[in-house]
């Protein structure tokens, strides 16, 4: 693998915001889930989603090293079993981030790419590969594009304990994290 090739991370990665997600995806091929910062505290469906993922996989928690990041980590410690989480930390470097107006501890979105690679590298290829469920699979399985897709999708998501608001690419990624294509076919048959 080349020096700048993306790391293949099988564990889902939780970050605070969309800019953090973009930064991680610049160095890693992974399922990266955004908490929407403190918004995660008000989203019961998202908490249920994280619990469901933790039943199938460990979860990497990569929040900022500032006080807000620590509060969000504390939240995850309160809703997920300790053995399901891998807490990773960026170096608490003081400075002014690209989108900030004041100096402070830099967040994930301003972390050097080399440091992100170093932090994530130990988790590369950690799990057996699971073939991603695609949007084409969603159509083929009747979860999108058909007259009864909404009802089938609602039942499947309810059965799997996933938020009903998932659509498109988010739905495909969430299903990949909790079921293989074969397991998904069996769930659809049952519901």
N, C-alpha and C. Protein backbone atom coordinates (compact mmCIF):
# COMPACT_ATOMS: atom_id res chain seq x y z
N UNK A 1 0.85 -1.18 0.00
CA UNK A 1 0.00 0.00 0.00
C UNK A 1 0.88 1.24 0.00
N UNK A 2 0.52 2.21 -0.81
CA UNK A 2 1.29 3.44 -0.90
C UNK A 2 1.16 4.28 0.35
N UNK A 3 2.11 5.18 0.50
CA UNK A 3 2.15 6.04 1.69
C UNK A 3 0.87 6.84 1.89
N UNK A 4 0.25 7.28 0.80
CA UNK A 4 -0.95 8.11 0.91
C UNK A 4 -2.24 7.38 0.55
N UNK A 5 -2.18 6.05 0.39
CA UNK A 5 -3.40 5.29 0.11
C UNK A 5 -4.30 5.35 1.34
N UNK A 6 -5.59 5.31 1.11
CA UNK A 6 -6.52 5.37 2.23
C UNK A 6 -6.44 4.10 3.06
N UNK A 7 -6.51 4.29 4.37
CA UNK A 7 -6.57 3.16 5.29
C UNK A 7 -7.95 2.51 5.16
N UNK A 8 -8.01 1.21 5.26
CA UNK A 8 -9.28 0.49 5.21
C UNK A 8 -9.68 0.16 6.64
N UNK A 9 -10.63 0.90 7.20
CA UNK A 9 -11.04 0.72 8.59
C UNK A 9 -12.42 0.08 8.62
N UNK A 10 -12.52 -1.09 9.22
CA UNK A 10 -13.79 -1.81 9.26
C UNK A 10 -14.71 -1.34 10.39
N UNK A 11 -14.12 -0.84 11.47
CA UNK A 11 -14.95 -0.34 12.57
C UNK A 11 -15.61 0.98 12.18
N UNK A 12 -16.87 1.19 12.57
CA UNK A 12 -17.46 2.51 12.36
C UNK A 12 -16.75 3.54 13.24
N UNK A 13 -16.69 4.77 12.77
CA UNK A 13 -16.01 5.85 13.48
C UNK A 13 -17.02 6.95 13.77
N UNK A 14 -17.10 7.36 15.03
CA UNK A 14 -17.99 8.45 15.43
C UNK A 14 -17.16 9.73 15.56
N UNK A 15 -17.61 10.78 14.89
CA UNK A 15 -17.00 12.10 15.00
C UNK A 15 -18.09 13.12 15.31
N UNK A 16 -17.69 14.34 15.67
CA UNK A 16 -18.67 15.35 16.06
C UNK A 16 -19.42 15.99 14.90
N UNK A 17 -18.72 16.40 13.85
CA UNK A 17 -19.37 17.16 12.79
C UNK A 17 -18.97 16.74 11.40
N UNK A 18 -19.62 17.36 10.42
CA UNK A 18 -19.40 16.98 9.02
C UNK A 18 -17.98 17.29 8.55
N UNK A 19 -17.37 18.34 9.09
CA UNK A 19 -16.00 18.67 8.69
C UNK A 19 -15.01 17.65 9.26
N UNK A 20 -15.30 17.15 10.48
CA UNK A 20 -14.50 16.07 11.05
C UNK A 20 -14.62 14.83 10.16
N UNK A 21 -15.84 14.55 9.73
CA UNK A 21 -16.09 13.39 8.87
C UNK A 21 -15.29 13.50 7.58
N UNK A 22 -15.33 14.66 6.95
CA UNK A 22 -14.59 14.87 5.71
C UNK A 22 -13.10 14.67 5.91
N UNK A 23 -12.58 15.13 7.06
CA UNK A 23 -11.15 15.00 7.35
C UNK A 23 -10.77 13.52 7.49
N UNK A 24 -11.58 12.76 8.22
CA UNK A 24 -11.30 11.34 8.40
C UNK A 24 -11.39 10.61 7.07
N UNK A 25 -12.41 10.92 6.27
CA UNK A 25 -12.58 10.25 4.98
C UNK A 25 -11.48 10.59 3.98
N UNK A 26 -10.74 11.66 4.24
CA UNK A 26 -9.60 11.99 3.38
C UNK A 26 -8.45 11.00 3.57
N UNK A 27 -8.41 10.33 4.73
CA UNK A 27 -7.32 9.39 4.99
C UNK A 27 -7.79 7.94 5.14
N UNK A 28 -9.10 7.73 5.27
CA UNK A 28 -9.59 6.37 5.55
C UNK A 28 -10.87 6.06 4.80
N UNK A 29 -10.96 4.83 4.33
CA UNK A 29 -12.21 4.29 3.81
C UNK A 29 -12.90 3.66 5.02
N UNK A 30 -14.01 4.27 5.45
CA UNK A 30 -14.69 3.82 6.67
C UNK A 30 -16.11 4.34 6.70
N UNK A 31 -16.91 3.76 7.58
CA UNK A 31 -18.23 4.30 7.87
C UNK A 31 -18.04 5.32 8.99
N UNK A 32 -18.23 6.59 8.67
CA UNK A 32 -18.01 7.66 9.63
C UNK A 32 -19.37 8.29 9.95
N UNK A 33 -19.72 8.28 11.23
CA UNK A 33 -21.03 8.75 11.68
C UNK A 33 -20.84 10.06 12.44
N UNK A 34 -21.68 11.04 12.12
CA UNK A 34 -21.60 12.36 12.74
C UNK A 34 -22.61 12.45 13.89
N UNK A 35 -22.16 13.00 15.04
CA UNK A 35 -23.05 13.16 16.19
C UNK A 35 -23.86 14.45 16.11
N UNK A 36 -23.49 15.36 15.25
CA UNK A 36 -24.06 16.71 15.22
C UNK A 36 -23.75 17.43 16.52
N UNK A 37 -22.52 17.23 17.02
CA UNK A 37 -22.09 17.87 18.27
C UNK A 37 -23.00 17.49 19.41
N UNK A 38 -23.44 18.48 20.18
CA UNK A 38 -24.33 18.21 21.31
C UNK A 38 -25.73 17.79 20.87
N UNK A 39 -26.02 17.90 19.58
CA UNK A 39 -27.31 17.47 19.06
C UNK A 39 -27.58 16.00 19.34
N UNK A 40 -26.53 15.21 19.52
CA UNK A 40 -26.68 13.78 19.79
C UNK A 40 -27.46 13.54 21.08
N UNK A 41 -27.40 14.48 22.03
CA UNK A 41 -28.09 14.30 23.30
C UNK A 41 -29.61 14.29 23.15
N UNK A 42 -30.10 14.92 22.09
CA UNK A 42 -31.55 15.04 21.88
C UNK A 42 -32.10 14.00 20.91
N UNK A 43 -31.26 13.13 20.42
CA UNK A 43 -31.68 12.20 19.36
C UNK A 43 -31.72 10.76 19.87
N UNK A 44 -32.85 10.37 20.44
CA UNK A 44 -32.99 9.01 20.97
C UNK A 44 -32.76 7.97 19.88
N UNK A 45 -33.26 8.24 18.68
CA UNK A 45 -33.07 7.30 17.57
C UNK A 45 -31.60 7.06 17.28
N UNK A 46 -30.79 8.11 17.37
CA UNK A 46 -29.36 7.97 17.11
C UNK A 46 -28.71 7.14 18.22
N UNK A 47 -29.11 7.38 19.45
CA UNK A 47 -28.57 6.58 20.57
C UNK A 47 -28.91 5.10 20.36
N UNK A 48 -30.14 4.83 19.96
CA UNK A 48 -30.55 3.44 19.69
C UNK A 48 -29.73 2.85 18.55
N UNK A 49 -29.45 3.68 17.54
CA UNK A 49 -28.63 3.25 16.40
C UNK A 49 -27.22 2.88 16.87
N UNK A 50 -26.62 3.72 17.71
CA UNK A 50 -25.28 3.42 18.22
C UNK A 50 -25.28 2.13 19.05
N UNK A 51 -26.32 1.94 19.85
CA UNK A 51 -26.42 0.70 20.64
C UNK A 51 -26.51 -0.52 19.72
N UNK A 52 -27.28 -0.38 18.67
CA UNK A 52 -27.44 -1.48 17.72
C UNK A 52 -26.11 -1.81 17.04
N UNK A 53 -25.39 -0.81 16.63
CA UNK A 53 -24.09 -1.04 16.01
C UNK A 53 -23.16 -1.74 16.99
N UNK A 54 -23.19 -1.31 18.25
CA UNK A 54 -22.31 -1.89 19.27
C UNK A 54 -22.60 -3.37 19.51
N UNK A 55 -23.77 -3.84 19.14
CA UNK A 55 -24.08 -5.27 19.25
C UNK A 55 -23.30 -6.09 18.23
N UNK A 56 -22.87 -5.45 17.14
CA UNK A 56 -22.22 -6.14 16.03
C UNK A 56 -20.75 -5.81 15.87
N UNK A 57 -20.32 -4.70 16.44
CA UNK A 57 -18.98 -4.22 16.16
C UNK A 57 -18.52 -3.29 17.27
N UNK A 58 -17.23 -3.20 17.43
CA UNK A 58 -16.70 -2.12 18.26
C UNK A 58 -16.88 -0.83 17.48
N UNK A 59 -16.87 0.29 18.19
CA UNK A 59 -17.05 1.60 17.58
C UNK A 59 -15.88 2.48 17.99
N UNK A 60 -15.27 3.13 17.02
CA UNK A 60 -14.19 4.08 17.30
C UNK A 60 -14.83 5.43 17.61
N UNK A 61 -14.49 6.00 18.77
CA UNK A 61 -14.98 7.33 19.15
C UNK A 61 -13.80 8.29 18.99
N UNK A 62 -13.93 9.23 18.06
CA UNK A 62 -12.87 10.18 17.76
C UNK A 62 -13.44 11.59 17.82
N UNK A 63 -13.61 12.09 19.04
CA UNK A 63 -14.13 13.45 19.21
C UNK A 63 -12.95 14.38 19.48
N UNK A 64 -13.22 15.67 19.43
CA UNK A 64 -12.18 16.66 19.68
C UNK A 64 -11.61 16.48 21.09
N UNK A 65 -10.40 16.97 21.31
CA UNK A 65 -9.74 16.84 22.61
C UNK A 65 -10.08 17.99 23.56
N UNK A 66 -11.05 18.81 23.19
CA UNK A 66 -11.46 19.92 24.04
C UNK A 66 -12.55 19.47 25.02
N UNK A 67 -13.05 20.40 25.81
CA UNK A 67 -14.07 20.09 26.81
C UNK A 67 -15.34 19.53 26.20
N UNK A 68 -15.79 20.10 25.08
CA UNK A 68 -17.00 19.62 24.41
C UNK A 68 -16.82 18.18 23.96
N UNK A 69 -15.65 17.86 23.40
CA UNK A 69 -15.38 16.50 22.97
C UNK A 69 -15.42 15.52 24.14
N UNK A 70 -14.92 15.96 25.29
CA UNK A 70 -14.94 15.09 26.47
C UNK A 70 -16.37 14.86 26.97
N UNK A 71 -17.22 15.87 26.89
CA UNK A 71 -18.62 15.72 27.28
C UNK A 71 -19.31 14.70 26.38
N UNK A 72 -19.05 14.78 25.08
CA UNK A 72 -19.65 13.84 24.13
C UNK A 72 -19.13 12.42 24.39
N UNK A 73 -17.84 12.27 24.69
CA UNK A 73 -17.29 10.95 25.05
C UNK A 73 -17.99 10.40 26.28
N UNK A 74 -18.23 11.28 27.26
CA UNK A 74 -18.93 10.86 28.48
C UNK A 74 -20.32 10.34 28.17
N UNK A 75 -20.98 10.99 27.23
CA UNK A 75 -22.30 10.53 26.81
C UNK A 75 -22.23 9.10 26.26
N UNK A 76 -21.23 8.85 25.40
CA UNK A 76 -21.10 7.50 24.83
C UNK A 76 -20.77 6.48 25.92
N UNK A 77 -19.98 6.90 26.90
CA UNK A 77 -19.69 5.99 28.02
C UNK A 77 -20.96 5.64 28.80
N UNK A 78 -21.94 6.54 28.77
CA UNK A 78 -23.18 6.29 29.51
C UNK A 78 -24.18 5.44 28.72
N UNK A 79 -24.06 5.37 27.40
CA UNK A 79 -25.05 4.61 26.62
C UNK A 79 -24.51 3.33 25.99
N UNK A 80 -23.17 3.19 25.94
CA UNK A 80 -22.58 2.02 25.30
C UNK A 80 -21.69 1.26 26.27
N UNK A 81 -21.61 -0.06 26.13
CA UNK A 81 -20.71 -0.82 26.99
C UNK A 81 -19.25 -0.46 26.70
N UNK A 82 -18.44 -0.42 27.74
CA UNK A 82 -17.04 -0.02 27.60
C UNK A 82 -16.30 -0.89 26.59
N UNK A 83 -16.62 -2.18 26.57
CA UNK A 83 -15.91 -3.09 25.66
C UNK A 83 -16.27 -2.87 24.20
N UNK A 84 -17.31 -2.09 23.93
CA UNK A 84 -17.73 -1.83 22.55
C UNK A 84 -17.04 -0.60 21.96
N UNK A 85 -16.35 0.17 22.80
CA UNK A 85 -15.78 1.44 22.33
C UNK A 85 -14.26 1.40 22.26
N UNK A 86 -13.74 2.05 21.25
CA UNK A 86 -12.31 2.30 21.12
C UNK A 86 -12.17 3.82 21.12
N UNK A 87 -11.64 4.38 22.20
CA UNK A 87 -11.48 5.83 22.28
C UNK A 87 -10.13 6.22 21.70
N UNK A 88 -10.17 7.02 20.64
CA UNK A 88 -8.95 7.54 20.03
C UNK A 88 -8.91 9.05 20.25
N UNK A 89 -7.70 9.57 20.38
CA UNK A 89 -7.53 10.99 20.71
C UNK A 89 -6.54 11.65 19.77
N UNK A 90 -6.86 12.88 19.38
CA UNK A 90 -5.89 13.69 18.64
C UNK A 90 -5.06 14.44 19.68
N UNK A 91 -3.87 14.86 19.29
CA UNK A 91 -3.03 15.64 20.20
C UNK A 91 -3.70 16.97 20.50
N UNK A 92 -3.74 17.38 21.75
CA UNK A 92 -4.36 18.67 22.08
C UNK A 92 -3.44 19.84 21.71
N UNK A 93 -3.48 20.19 20.45
CA UNK A 93 -2.64 21.27 19.94
C UNK A 93 -3.43 22.58 19.99
N UNK A 94 -2.82 23.60 20.56
CA UNK A 94 -3.45 24.91 20.69
C UNK A 94 -3.20 25.71 19.42
N UNK A 95 -4.24 26.31 18.89
CA UNK A 95 -4.09 27.13 17.69
C UNK A 95 -5.43 27.65 17.22
N UNK A 96 -5.44 28.21 16.03
CA UNK A 96 -6.68 28.74 15.44
C UNK A 96 -7.02 27.87 14.24
N UNK A 97 -8.13 27.16 14.31
CA UNK A 97 -8.56 26.30 13.23
C UNK A 97 -9.03 27.08 12.02
N UNK A 98 -9.15 26.39 10.90
CA UNK A 98 -9.51 27.03 9.63
C UNK A 98 -10.86 27.73 9.69
N UNK A 99 -11.81 27.20 10.45
CA UNK A 99 -13.15 27.79 10.50
C UNK A 99 -13.42 28.53 11.81
N UNK A 100 -12.40 28.70 12.63
CA UNK A 100 -12.57 29.33 13.95
C UNK A 100 -12.17 30.79 13.92
N UNK A 101 -12.74 31.57 14.83
CA UNK A 101 -12.37 32.98 14.94
C UNK A 101 -11.42 33.22 16.11
N UNK A 102 -11.34 32.24 17.03
CA UNK A 102 -10.47 32.38 18.20
C UNK A 102 -9.57 31.16 18.32
N UNK A 103 -8.47 31.35 19.05
CA UNK A 103 -7.56 30.24 19.30
C UNK A 103 -8.16 29.31 20.36
N UNK A 104 -7.79 28.06 20.26
CA UNK A 104 -8.24 27.05 21.22
C UNK A 104 -7.59 25.73 20.84
N UNK A 105 -8.05 24.65 21.46
CA UNK A 105 -7.52 23.34 21.11
C UNK A 105 -8.10 22.95 19.76
N UNK A 106 -7.22 22.59 18.82
CA UNK A 106 -7.67 22.21 17.48
C UNK A 106 -8.46 20.91 17.52
N UNK A 107 -9.48 20.84 16.69
CA UNK A 107 -10.33 19.66 16.64
C UNK A 107 -9.89 18.68 15.56
N UNK A 108 -10.67 17.64 15.40
CA UNK A 108 -10.39 16.60 14.41
C UNK A 108 -10.28 17.22 13.02
N UNK A 109 -11.15 18.18 12.70
CA UNK A 109 -11.16 18.77 11.36
C UNK A 109 -9.87 19.52 11.03
N UNK A 110 -9.09 19.90 12.03
CA UNK A 110 -7.84 20.62 11.79
C UNK A 110 -6.61 19.77 12.12
N UNK A 111 -6.83 18.50 12.38
CA UNK A 111 -5.72 17.60 12.69
C UNK A 111 -4.95 17.26 11.42
N UNK A 112 -3.66 17.25 11.54
CA UNK A 112 -2.78 16.91 10.43
C UNK A 112 -3.12 15.52 9.89
N UNK A 113 -3.11 15.38 8.57
CA UNK A 113 -3.44 14.09 7.94
C UNK A 113 -2.51 12.98 8.43
N UNK A 114 -1.24 13.29 8.60
CA UNK A 114 -0.29 12.27 9.05
C UNK A 114 -0.65 11.78 10.45
N UNK A 115 -1.07 12.71 11.31
CA UNK A 115 -1.46 12.29 12.66
C UNK A 115 -2.72 11.42 12.62
N UNK A 116 -3.70 11.79 11.79
CA UNK A 116 -4.91 10.98 11.68
C UNK A 116 -4.58 9.56 11.21
N UNK A 117 -3.69 9.47 10.23
CA UNK A 117 -3.25 8.14 9.75
C UNK A 117 -2.62 7.34 10.89
N UNK A 118 -1.77 7.99 11.65
CA UNK A 118 -1.08 7.32 12.76
C UNK A 118 -2.08 6.84 13.81
N UNK A 119 -3.08 7.65 14.10
CA UNK A 119 -4.09 7.30 15.10
C UNK A 119 -4.93 6.10 14.63
N UNK A 120 -5.31 6.10 13.35
CA UNK A 120 -6.21 5.07 12.83
C UNK A 120 -5.51 3.80 12.35
N UNK A 121 -4.24 3.89 11.99
CA UNK A 121 -3.53 2.76 11.39
C UNK A 121 -3.64 1.45 12.19
N UNK A 122 -3.58 1.45 13.52
CA UNK A 122 -3.68 0.17 14.24
C UNK A 122 -5.00 -0.57 14.03
N UNK A 123 -6.01 0.12 13.52
CA UNK A 123 -7.34 -0.49 13.35
C UNK A 123 -7.65 -0.81 11.90
N UNK A 124 -6.64 -0.70 11.06
CA UNK A 124 -6.82 -1.01 9.65
C UNK A 124 -7.04 -2.51 9.48
N UNK A 125 -8.08 -2.86 8.71
CA UNK A 125 -8.35 -4.27 8.41
C UNK A 125 -8.60 -5.12 9.62
N UNK A 126 -9.09 -4.53 10.69
CA UNK A 126 -9.26 -5.23 11.96
C UNK A 126 -10.33 -6.31 11.93
N UNK A 127 -11.36 -6.13 11.14
CA UNK A 127 -12.47 -7.09 11.08
C UNK A 127 -12.52 -7.76 9.72
N UNK A 128 -13.13 -8.95 9.65
CA UNK A 128 -13.33 -9.55 8.33
C UNK A 128 -14.18 -8.60 7.47
N UNK A 129 -13.85 -8.54 6.21
CA UNK A 129 -14.54 -7.62 5.31
C UNK A 129 -15.99 -8.04 5.11
N UNK A 130 -16.89 -7.09 5.16
CA UNK A 130 -18.30 -7.31 4.88
C UNK A 130 -18.62 -6.53 3.63
N UNK A 131 -19.17 -7.20 2.63
CA UNK A 131 -19.52 -6.53 1.39
C UNK A 131 -20.57 -5.46 1.67
N UNK A 132 -20.29 -4.23 1.28
CA UNK A 132 -21.24 -3.15 1.54
C UNK A 132 -22.58 -3.37 0.84
N UNK A 133 -23.63 -2.99 1.51
CA UNK A 133 -24.96 -2.97 0.89
C UNK A 133 -25.04 -1.64 0.14
N UNK A 134 -25.44 -1.71 -1.12
CA UNK A 134 -25.46 -0.52 -1.97
C UNK A 134 -26.89 -0.01 -2.18
N UNK A 135 -27.00 1.14 -2.78
CA UNK A 135 -28.33 1.67 -3.11
C UNK A 135 -29.01 0.77 -4.15
N UNK A 136 -28.22 0.15 -5.03
CA UNK A 136 -28.78 -0.80 -6.00
C UNK A 136 -29.36 -2.01 -5.25
N UNK A 137 -28.67 -2.46 -4.19
CA UNK A 137 -29.19 -3.56 -3.38
C UNK A 137 -30.52 -3.17 -2.73
N UNK A 138 -30.61 -1.93 -2.27
CA UNK A 138 -31.85 -1.46 -1.65
C UNK A 138 -33.01 -1.59 -2.63
N UNK A 139 -32.76 -1.23 -3.89
CA UNK A 139 -33.79 -1.37 -4.91
C UNK A 139 -34.10 -2.84 -5.17
N UNK A 140 -33.05 -3.64 -5.36
CA UNK A 140 -33.24 -5.07 -5.65
C UNK A 140 -34.00 -5.79 -4.54
N UNK A 141 -33.79 -5.36 -3.30
CA UNK A 141 -34.42 -6.01 -2.15
C UNK A 141 -35.79 -5.41 -1.82
N UNK A 142 -36.22 -4.41 -2.60
CA UNK A 142 -37.54 -3.82 -2.40
C UNK A 142 -37.58 -2.77 -1.32
N UNK A 143 -36.42 -2.26 -0.91
CA UNK A 143 -36.38 -1.24 0.13
C UNK A 143 -36.42 0.18 -0.42
N UNK A 144 -36.35 0.31 -1.74
CA UNK A 144 -36.50 1.63 -2.36
C UNK A 144 -37.00 1.44 -3.79
N UNK A 145 -37.69 2.46 -4.30
CA UNK A 145 -38.10 2.48 -5.69
C UNK A 145 -39.33 1.67 -6.06
N UNK A 146 -40.00 1.06 -5.08
CA UNK A 146 -41.20 0.27 -5.36
C UNK A 146 -42.38 0.87 -4.59
N UNK A 147 -43.58 0.57 -5.01
CA UNK A 147 -44.76 1.18 -4.38
C UNK A 147 -44.88 0.85 -2.90
N UNK A 148 -44.41 -0.32 -2.47
CA UNK A 148 -44.52 -0.69 -1.06
C UNK A 148 -43.19 -0.56 -0.30
N UNK A 149 -42.20 0.08 -0.92
CA UNK A 149 -40.87 0.18 -0.32
C UNK A 149 -40.88 0.88 1.04
N UNK A 150 -41.67 1.93 1.17
CA UNK A 150 -41.72 2.67 2.43
C UNK A 150 -42.14 1.79 3.59
N UNK A 151 -43.15 0.98 3.38
CA UNK A 151 -43.64 0.09 4.44
C UNK A 151 -42.64 -1.02 4.73
N UNK A 152 -42.06 -1.61 3.69
CA UNK A 152 -41.06 -2.67 3.88
C UNK A 152 -39.85 -2.10 4.63
N UNK A 153 -39.39 -0.93 4.20
CA UNK A 153 -38.23 -0.29 4.85
C UNK A 153 -38.54 0.00 6.32
N UNK A 154 -39.73 0.52 6.61
CA UNK A 154 -40.12 0.82 7.99
C UNK A 154 -40.06 -0.43 8.85
N UNK A 155 -40.61 -1.54 8.34
CA UNK A 155 -40.62 -2.80 9.10
C UNK A 155 -39.21 -3.34 9.31
N UNK A 156 -38.38 -3.27 8.28
CA UNK A 156 -37.01 -3.77 8.39
C UNK A 156 -36.23 -2.94 9.40
N UNK A 157 -36.33 -1.62 9.31
CA UNK A 157 -35.61 -0.75 10.22
C UNK A 157 -36.09 -0.96 11.65
N UNK A 158 -37.38 -1.12 11.84
CA UNK A 158 -37.92 -1.38 13.17
C UNK A 158 -37.38 -2.71 13.70
N UNK A 159 -37.39 -3.74 12.86
CA UNK A 159 -36.89 -5.06 13.27
C UNK A 159 -35.41 -5.01 13.65
N UNK A 160 -34.64 -4.22 12.92
CA UNK A 160 -33.20 -4.14 13.17
C UNK A 160 -32.84 -3.08 14.22
N UNK A 161 -33.84 -2.34 14.70
CA UNK A 161 -33.58 -1.32 15.71
C UNK A 161 -32.83 -0.12 15.18
N UNK A 162 -33.10 0.24 13.92
CA UNK A 162 -32.44 1.38 13.29
C UNK A 162 -33.42 2.54 13.16
N UNK A 163 -32.91 3.77 13.12
CA UNK A 163 -33.80 4.94 13.00
C UNK A 163 -34.62 4.90 11.72
N UNK A 164 -35.91 5.23 11.79
CA UNK A 164 -36.76 5.19 10.60
C UNK A 164 -36.47 6.31 9.61
N UNK A 165 -35.72 7.31 10.01
CA UNK A 165 -35.46 8.46 9.14
C UNK A 165 -34.32 8.23 8.15
N UNK A 166 -33.67 7.07 8.19
CA UNK A 166 -32.56 6.80 7.28
C UNK A 166 -33.06 6.68 5.85
N UNK A 167 -32.35 7.32 4.93
CA UNK A 167 -32.68 7.21 3.51
C UNK A 167 -31.40 7.13 2.70
N UNK A 168 -31.49 6.62 1.50
CA UNK A 168 -30.39 6.63 0.56
C UNK A 168 -29.10 6.02 1.07
N UNK A 169 -28.01 6.77 0.88
CA UNK A 169 -26.68 6.28 1.25
C UNK A 169 -26.57 5.98 2.74
N UNK A 170 -27.20 6.80 3.57
CA UNK A 170 -27.17 6.57 5.02
C UNK A 170 -27.82 5.25 5.38
N UNK A 171 -28.90 4.91 4.71
CA UNK A 171 -29.57 3.63 4.94
C UNK A 171 -28.66 2.47 4.54
N UNK A 172 -28.04 2.57 3.39
CA UNK A 172 -27.15 1.51 2.93
C UNK A 172 -25.98 1.32 3.90
N UNK A 173 -25.39 2.40 4.38
CA UNK A 173 -24.28 2.31 5.32
C UNK A 173 -24.72 1.72 6.65
N UNK A 174 -25.87 2.16 7.15
CA UNK A 174 -26.36 1.64 8.43
C UNK A 174 -26.65 0.15 8.34
N UNK A 175 -27.28 -0.28 7.27
CA UNK A 175 -27.58 -1.71 7.10
C UNK A 175 -26.29 -2.52 7.01
N UNK A 176 -25.29 -2.00 6.31
CA UNK A 176 -24.01 -2.70 6.20
C UNK A 176 -23.38 -2.90 7.58
N UNK A 177 -23.56 -1.95 8.48
CA UNK A 177 -22.95 -2.05 9.81
C UNK A 177 -23.61 -3.09 10.70
N UNK A 178 -24.88 -3.42 10.42
CA UNK A 178 -25.58 -4.35 11.32
C UNK A 178 -25.97 -5.67 10.69
N UNK A 179 -25.83 -5.83 9.38
CA UNK A 179 -26.25 -7.08 8.75
C UNK A 179 -25.52 -7.31 7.43
N UNK A 180 -25.30 -8.57 7.12
CA UNK A 180 -24.79 -8.91 5.78
C UNK A 180 -25.98 -8.87 4.82
N UNK A 181 -25.71 -8.92 3.54
CA UNK A 181 -26.80 -8.93 2.55
C UNK A 181 -27.69 -10.14 2.78
N UNK A 182 -27.07 -11.29 3.08
CA UNK A 182 -27.83 -12.52 3.31
C UNK A 182 -28.73 -12.39 4.54
N UNK A 183 -28.20 -11.79 5.61
CA UNK A 183 -29.01 -11.57 6.82
C UNK A 183 -30.15 -10.61 6.53
N UNK A 184 -29.89 -9.60 5.72
CA UNK A 184 -30.92 -8.64 5.36
C UNK A 184 -32.04 -9.31 4.57
N UNK A 185 -31.68 -10.20 3.65
CA UNK A 185 -32.69 -10.95 2.88
C UNK A 185 -33.58 -11.74 3.82
N UNK A 186 -32.99 -12.38 4.83
CA UNK A 186 -33.77 -13.17 5.80
C UNK A 186 -34.70 -12.27 6.61
N UNK A 187 -34.23 -11.09 7.01
CA UNK A 187 -35.08 -10.15 7.75
C UNK A 187 -36.27 -9.73 6.89
N UNK A 188 -36.02 -9.43 5.62
CA UNK A 188 -37.10 -9.01 4.72
C UNK A 188 -38.12 -10.12 4.58
N UNK A 189 -37.68 -11.35 4.49
CA UNK A 189 -38.62 -12.49 4.39
C UNK A 189 -39.49 -12.58 5.65
N UNK A 190 -38.91 -12.31 6.82
CA UNK A 190 -39.64 -12.42 8.09
C UNK A 190 -40.66 -11.32 8.27
N UNK A 191 -40.33 -10.11 7.78
CA UNK A 191 -41.25 -8.98 8.01
C UNK A 191 -42.20 -8.85 6.85
